[in-house]
Amino acid sequence: MATILIVEDNEMNLDMLSRRLEKRGHEIMVATDGAAGVEKAQASLPALILMDMSIPVMDGWEATRRLKNSPVTRHIPIIALTAHAVAGDREKCIAAGCDEYESKPIKFPDLVAKINKILGIQEV
């Protein structure tokens, strides 16, 4: 399938997402802070990034802006993963450069549908 970079500092969320996406055939890369996420994205150019917006060192907002401002990584779709689920948060994530938004707790079928749509994957 596709290589997906998960930028997430919560070990349980990271484990759950990694295992479930690997079962669906995706190759998973991991970063636990925004600076590491930017470095990994630039070095390996994944097909998609799942970006927690509240992460250490460099938050997801700044990491997303840097990735979208770089000619090397601006084409990589980013799905924001955030516990911020109040009115206007989706719009803030999109304004920061995210292509899609999923609030926590993550509803895995909804996230998979967004991943498939962005990557053009048809499930049977």
C-alpha atoms as a PDB file:
ATOM      1  CA  MET A   1       0.000   0.000   0.000  1.00  0.00           C
ATOM      2  CA  ALA A   2       1.556   3.301   1.130  1.00  0.00           C
ATOM      3  CA  THR A   3       4.195   4.607   3.508  1.00  0.00           C
ATOM      4  CA  ILE A   4       2.601   6.634   6.300  1.00  0.00           C
ATOM      5  CA  LEU A   5       4.513   8.770   8.790  1.00  0.00           C
ATOM      6  CA  ILE A   6       2.781   9.002  12.169  1.00  0.00           C
ATOM      7  CA  VAL A   7       3.912  11.989  14.253  1.00  0.00           C
ATOM      8  CA  GLU A   8       2.477  11.253  17.700  1.00  0.00           C
ATOM      9  CA  ASP A   9       3.883  11.379  21.225  1.00  0.00           C
ATOM     10  CA  ASN A  10       1.238   9.270  22.978  1.00  0.00           C
ATOM     11  CA  GLU A  11       2.564   5.711  23.088  1.00  0.00           C
ATOM     12  CA  MET A  12      -0.877   4.070  23.203  1.00  0.00           C
ATOM     13  CA  ASN A  13      -2.180   6.068  20.225  1.00  0.00           C
ATOM     14  CA  LEU A  14       1.007   5.384  18.313  1.00  0.00           C
ATOM     15  CA  ASP A  15       0.859   1.654  18.988  1.00  0.00           C
ATOM     16  CA  MET A  16      -2.833   1.394  18.066  1.00  0.00           C
ATOM     17  CA  LEU A  17      -2.480   3.366  14.841  1.00  0.00           C
ATOM     18  CA  SER A  18       0.730   1.613  13.782  1.00  0.00           C
ATOM     19  CA  ARG A  19      -0.594  -1.889  14.321  1.00  0.00           C
ATOM     20  CA  ARG A  20      -3.958  -1.276  12.680  1.00  0.00           C
ATOM     21  CA  LEU A  21      -2.506   0.497   9.650  1.00  0.00           C
ATOM     22  CA  GLU A  22       0.193  -2.161   9.204  1.00  0.00           C
ATOM     23  CA  LYS A  23      -2.570  -4.815   9.196  1.00  0.00           C
ATOM     24  CA  ARG A  24      -4.080  -2.900   6.276  1.00  0.00           C
ATOM     25  CA  GLY A  25      -0.787  -3.220   4.376  1.00  0.00           C
ATOM     26  CA  HIS A  26       0.763   0.192   5.019  1.00  0.00           C
ATOM     27  CA  GLU A  27       4.413   0.708   5.886  1.00  0.00           C
ATOM     28  CA  ILE A  28       4.640   2.837   9.024  1.00  0.00           C
ATOM     29  CA  MET A  29       7.311   5.307  10.077  1.00  0.00           C
ATOM     30  CA  VAL A  30       7.177   7.030  13.453  1.00  0.00           C
ATOM     31  CA  ALA A  31       8.278  10.320  14.980  1.00  0.00           C
ATOM     32  CA  THR A  32       7.432  11.366  18.536  1.00  0.00           C
ATOM     33  CA  ASP A  33       7.960  15.116  18.158  1.00  0.00           C
ATOM     34  CA  GLY A  34       7.435  17.708  15.461  1.00  0.00           C
ATOM     35  CA  ALA A  35      11.099  18.371  14.696  1.00  0.00           C
ATOM     36  CA  ALA A  36      11.759  14.651  14.176  1.00  0.00           C
ATOM     37  CA  GLY A  37       8.599  14.454  12.059  1.00  0.00           C
ATOM     38  CA  VAL A  38       9.814  17.225   9.746  1.00  0.00           C
ATOM     39  CA  GLU A  39      13.241  15.558   9.432  1.00  0.00           C
ATOM     40  CA  LYS A  40      11.767  12.118   8.671  1.00  0.00           C
ATOM     41  CA  ALA A  41       9.310  13.544   6.153  1.00  0.00           C
ATOM     42  CA  GLN A  42      12.082  15.418   4.334  1.00  0.00           C
ATOM     43  CA  ALA A  43      14.378  12.376   4.315  1.00  0.00           C
ATOM     44  CA  SER A  44      11.880   9.714   3.255  1.00  0.00           C
ATOM     45  CA  LEU A  45       8.952  11.520   1.582  1.00  0.00           C
ATOM     46  CA  PRO A  46       6.074   9.367   2.865  1.00  0.00           C
ATOM     47  CA  ALA A  47       2.809   9.151   0.928  1.00  0.00           C
ATOM     48  CA  LEU A  48       0.874  10.617   3.894  1.00  0.00           C
ATOM     49  CA  ILE A  49       1.488  12.107   7.332  1.00  0.00           C
ATOM     50  CA  LEU A  50      -0.742  11.703  10.385  1.00  0.00           C
ATOM     51  CA  MET A  51       0.165  14.728  12.532  1.00  0.00           C
ATOM     52  CA  ASP A  52      -0.734  15.110  16.194  1.00  0.00           C
ATOM     53  CA  MET A  53      -1.049  18.845  16.721  1.00  0.00           C
ATOM     54  CA  SER A  54      -0.007  18.809  20.421  1.00  0.00           C
ATOM     55  CA  ILE A  55       3.474  17.282  20.393  1.00  0.00           C
ATOM     56  CA  PRO A  56       6.763  18.277  22.037  1.00  0.00           C
ATOM     57  CA  VAL A  57       9.859  20.087  20.707  1.00  0.00           C
ATOM     58  CA  MET A  58       7.964  21.592  17.734  1.00  0.00           C
ATOM     59  CA  ASP A  59       4.163  21.412  17.824  1.00  0.00           C
ATOM     60  CA  GLY A  60       2.151  19.970  14.964  1.00  0.00           C
ATOM     61  CA  TRP A  61       1.031  23.410  13.847  1.00  0.00           C
ATOM     62  CA  GLU A  62       4.601  24.583  13.204  1.00  0.00           C
ATOM     63  CA  ALA A  63       5.708  21.217  11.794  1.00  0.00           C
ATOM     64  CA  THR A  64       2.811  21.326   9.316  1.00  0.00           C
ATOM     65  CA  ARG A  65       3.618  24.899   8.278  1.00  0.00           C
ATOM     66  CA  ARG A  66       7.274  23.968   7.685  1.00  0.00           C
ATOM     67  CA  LEU A  67       6.366  20.894   5.653  1.00  0.00           C
ATOM     68  CA  LYS A  68       3.850  22.808   3.525  1.00  0.00           C
ATOM     69  CA  ASN A  69       6.290  25.705   2.983  1.00  0.00           C
ATOM     70  CA  SER A  70       9.021  23.406   1.697  1.00  0.00           C
ATOM     71  CA  PRO A  71       9.081  22.584  -2.032  1.00  0.00           C
ATOM     72  CA  VAL A  72      10.369  19.116  -1.092  1.00  0.00           C
ATOM     73  CA  THR A  73       7.432  18.166   1.162  1.00  0.00           C
ATOM     74  CA  ARG A  74       4.530  20.490   0.297  1.00  0.00           C
ATOM     75  CA  HIS A  75       2.880  17.792  -1.854  1.00  0.00           C
ATOM     76  CA  ILE A  76       2.608  15.311   1.056  1.00  0.00           C
ATOM     77  CA  PRO A  77      -0.956  15.183   2.410  1.00  0.00           C
ATOM     78  CA  ILE A  78      -1.266  15.733   6.161  1.00  0.00           C
ATOM     79  CA  ILE A  79      -4.160  14.614   8.341  1.00  0.00           C
ATOM     80  CA  ALA A  80      -4.329  16.475  11.657  1.00  0.00           C
ATOM     81  CA  LEU A  81      -4.976  14.308  14.712  1.00  0.00           C
ATOM     82  CA  THR A  82      -6.093  16.428  17.608  1.00  0.00           C
ATOM     83  CA  ALA A  83      -8.011  16.398  20.839  1.00  0.00           C
ATOM     84  CA  HIS A  84      -8.998  19.970  19.973  1.00  0.00           C
ATOM     85  CA  ALA A  85     -12.533  19.336  18.818  1.00  0.00           C
ATOM     86  CA  VAL A  86     -14.341  22.602  19.374  1.00  0.00           C
ATOM     87  CA  ALA A  87     -15.917  24.776  16.709  1.00  0.00           C
ATOM     88  CA  GLY A  88     -13.316  26.239  14.398  1.00  0.00           C
ATOM     89  CA  ASP A  89     -10.531  23.741  15.166  1.00  0.00           C
ATOM     90  CA  ARG A  90     -10.954  21.894  11.875  1.00  0.00           C
ATOM     91  CA  GLU A  91     -10.667  25.211  10.041  1.00  0.00           C
ATOM     92  CA  LYS A  92      -7.524  26.124  12.036  1.00  0.00           C
ATOM     93  CA  CYS A  93      -5.907  22.816  11.073  1.00  0.00           C
ATOM     94  CA  ILE A  94      -6.781  23.328   7.406  1.00  0.00           C
ATOM     95  CA  ALA A  95      -5.461  26.918   7.572  1.00  0.00           C
ATOM     96  CA  ALA A  96      -2.164  25.611   9.023  1.00  0.00           C
ATOM     97  CA  GLY A  97      -1.805  23.410   5.934  1.00  0.00           C
ATOM     98  CA  CYS A  98      -3.455  20.137   6.898  1.00  0.00           C
ATOM     99  CA  ASP A  99      -5.431  18.433   4.151  1.00  0.00           C
ATOM    100  CA  GLU A 100      -7.859  16.727   6.518  1.00  0.00           C
ATOM    101  CA  TYR A 101      -8.735  16.554  10.219  1.00  0.00           C
ATOM    102  CA  GLU A 102      -9.625  13.766  12.651  1.00  0.00           C
ATOM    103  CA  SER A 103     -10.504  14.484  16.270  1.00  0.00           C
ATOM    104  CA  LYS A 104      -9.468  12.288  19.186  1.00  0.00           C
ATOM    105  CA  PRO A 105     -10.490   9.806  20.323  1.00  0.00           C
ATOM    106  CA  ILE A 106      -9.902   8.566  16.798  1.00  0.00           C
ATOM    107  CA  LYS A 107     -12.707   6.705  15.092  1.00  0.00           C
ATOM    108  CA  PHE A 108     -10.539   4.310  13.101  1.00  0.00           C
ATOM    109  CA  PRO A 109     -13.062   3.584  10.289  1.00  0.00           C
ATOM    110  CA  ASP A 110     -13.441   7.343   9.701  1.00  0.00           C
ATOM    111  CA  LEU A 111      -9.665   7.817   9.650  1.00  0.00           C
ATOM    112  CA  VAL A 112      -9.211   4.913   7.212  1.00  0.00           C
ATOM    113  CA  ALA A 113     -11.864   6.413   4.923  1.00  0.00           C
ATOM    114  CA  LYS A 114      -9.982   9.735   4.899  1.00  0.00           C
ATOM    115  CA  ILE A 115      -6.641   8.002   4.265  1.00  0.00           C
ATOM    116  CA  ASN A 116      -8.141   5.964   1.418  1.00  0.00           C
ATOM    117  CA  LYS A 117      -9.756   9.029  -0.154  1.00  0.00           C
ATOM    118  CA  ILE A 118      -6.554  11.072  -0.027  1.00  0.00           C
ATOM    119  CA  LEU A 119      -4.402   8.220  -1.361  1.00  0.00           C
ATOM    120  CA  GLY A 120      -6.960   7.079  -3.943  1.00  0.00           C
ATOM    121  CA  ILE A 121      -7.275   3.600  -2.445  1.00  0.00           C
ATOM    122  CA  GLN A 122     -10.363   1.629  -3.406  1.00  0.00           C
ATOM    123  CA  GLU A 123     -11.381  -0.930  -0.791  1.00  0.00           C
ATOM    124  CA  VAL A 124     -13.357  -4.017  -1.751  1.00  0.00           C
END
